[in-house]
Amino acid sequence: MIIYNVTIKVDHSITEEWLHWMKTEHIPDLMKTGLFIDHRLCRLLEQDEADGRTYTVQYFCDSLEHYQNYINEHAQKMRDKGVKKFGSKFIAFRTVMEVEPA
């Protein structure tokens, strides 16, 4: 299993609007690509929140091929929507992980 992890620092001025957008638009749109089987939205604790709250969104997919398809076909459009809506009031970085079998 592949986990596509996006860590986002969100300015306090947009936190509630951003969370609503993530839950009602962004995550549902990403899941509609059919490339991911599940997701999880988390708030990081024990972080310096002077500049905003930090969240992670983990998207789970069955294969590296599905992840690459998302990156090649959908990722830029999804990122652009966030920048268009919130500008520089958030910053994100992405990591990709493979779950090791038990």
Protein backbone atom coordinates (compact mmCIF):
# COMPACT_ATOMS: atom_id res chain seq x y z
CA MET A 1 0.00 0.00 0.00
CA ILE A 2 1.14 3.53 -0.81
CA ILE A 3 0.46 6.53 1.44
CA TYR A 4 0.55 9.96 -0.15
CA ASN A 5 1.04 12.33 2.79
CA VAL A 6 0.49 16.07 2.51
CA THR A 7 1.54 18.22 5.47
CA ILE A 8 0.02 21.70 5.51
CA LYS A 9 0.69 24.74 7.72
CA VAL A 10 -2.48 26.86 7.66
CA ASP A 11 -2.60 30.54 8.65
CA HIS A 12 -4.94 31.20 11.59
CA SER A 13 -6.98 33.64 9.48
CA ILE A 14 -8.21 30.87 7.16
CA THR A 15 -8.22 27.77 9.38
CA GLU A 16 -11.98 27.23 9.63
CA GLU A 17 -12.65 28.07 5.97
CA TRP A 18 -9.75 25.85 4.88
CA LEU A 19 -10.98 22.91 6.97
CA HIS A 20 -14.47 23.26 5.53
CA TRP A 21 -13.07 23.41 1.99
CA MET A 22 -10.87 20.37 2.59
CA LYS A 23 -13.76 18.30 3.97
CA THR A 24 -16.43 19.35 1.47
CA GLU A 25 -14.49 20.01 -1.75
CA HIS A 26 -10.81 19.13 -1.94
CA ILE A 27 -10.77 15.67 -0.36
CA PRO A 28 -14.01 14.58 -2.08
CA ASP A 29 -12.65 15.77 -5.46
CA LEU A 30 -9.41 13.88 -4.92
CA MET A 31 -11.26 10.73 -3.90
CA LYS A 32 -13.45 11.01 -7.03
CA THR A 33 -10.36 10.34 -9.15
CA GLY A 34 -10.84 6.69 -8.17
CA LEU A 35 -7.11 6.30 -7.54
CA PHE A 36 -7.24 6.27 -3.74
CA ILE A 37 -9.11 3.90 -1.48
CA ASP A 38 -9.18 5.91 1.76
CA HIS A 39 -7.94 9.07 3.42
CA ARG A 40 -7.31 10.54 6.86
CA LEU A 41 -7.19 14.20 7.92
CA CYS A 42 -5.23 14.88 11.13
CA ARG A 43 -4.14 17.90 13.12
CA LEU A 44 -0.56 17.69 14.32
CA LEU A 45 -0.18 18.23 18.05
CA GLU A 46 2.83 19.51 19.94
CA GLN A 47 3.69 21.89 17.09
CA ASP A 48 4.53 25.58 17.26
CA GLU A 49 1.24 27.21 16.25
CA ALA A 50 2.42 30.84 16.29
CA ASP A 51 2.13 31.00 12.48
CA GLY A 52 -0.85 28.66 12.16
CA ARG A 53 -2.01 25.11 12.70
CA THR A 54 -0.40 22.13 11.04
CA TYR A 55 -2.43 19.34 9.46
CA THR A 56 -1.65 16.19 7.54
CA VAL A 57 -3.82 14.49 5.01
CA GLN A 58 -2.98 10.92 4.18
CA TYR A 59 -4.37 9.36 1.02
CA PHE A 60 -4.09 5.60 0.65
CA CYS A 61 -3.79 3.78 -2.68
CA ASP A 62 -3.19 0.21 -3.75
CA SER A 63 -0.18 0.78 -5.97
CA LEU A 64 2.61 3.12 -6.92
CA GLU A 65 1.06 3.15 -10.40
CA HIS A 66 -2.16 4.69 -9.02
CA TYR A 67 -0.14 7.30 -7.16
CA GLN A 68 1.89 8.16 -10.28
CA ASN A 69 -1.32 8.41 -12.30
CA TYR A 70 -2.66 10.91 -9.76
CA ILE A 71 0.55 12.96 -9.89
CA ASN A 72 0.66 12.97 -13.70
CA GLU A 73 -3.03 13.54 -14.40
CA HIS A 74 -4.56 15.39 -11.43
CA ALA A 75 -2.09 16.80 -8.89
CA GLN A 76 -1.30 20.14 -10.48
CA LYS A 77 -4.96 20.98 -11.06
CA MET A 78 -5.78 20.11 -7.44
CA ARG A 79 -2.88 22.20 -6.12
CA ASP A 80 -3.83 25.14 -8.30
CA LYS A 81 -7.36 25.19 -6.84
CA GLY A 82 -5.96 25.58 -3.33
CA VAL A 83 -3.59 28.36 -4.33
CA LYS A 84 -6.36 30.16 -6.22
CA LYS A 85 -8.65 30.01 -3.18
CA PHE A 86 -6.16 30.70 -0.35
CA GLY A 87 -3.08 32.21 -1.97
CA SER A 88 -0.03 32.20 0.27
CA LYS A 89 -1.98 31.65 3.50
CA PHE A 90 -0.84 28.02 3.61
CA ILE A 91 2.24 26.03 2.75
CA ALA A 92 2.33 22.33 1.94
CA PHE A 93 4.92 19.66 1.45
CA ARG A 94 4.41 16.15 0.28
CA THR A 95 5.90 12.74 1.04
CA VAL A 96 5.18 9.29 -0.32
CA MET A 97 5.48 6.19 1.80
CA GLU A 98 5.15 2.48 1.21
CA VAL A 99 3.65 0.35 3.96
CA GLU A 100 5.88 -2.58 4.80
CA PRO A 101 4.09 -5.92 5.13
CA ALA A 102 3.74 -7.20 8.68
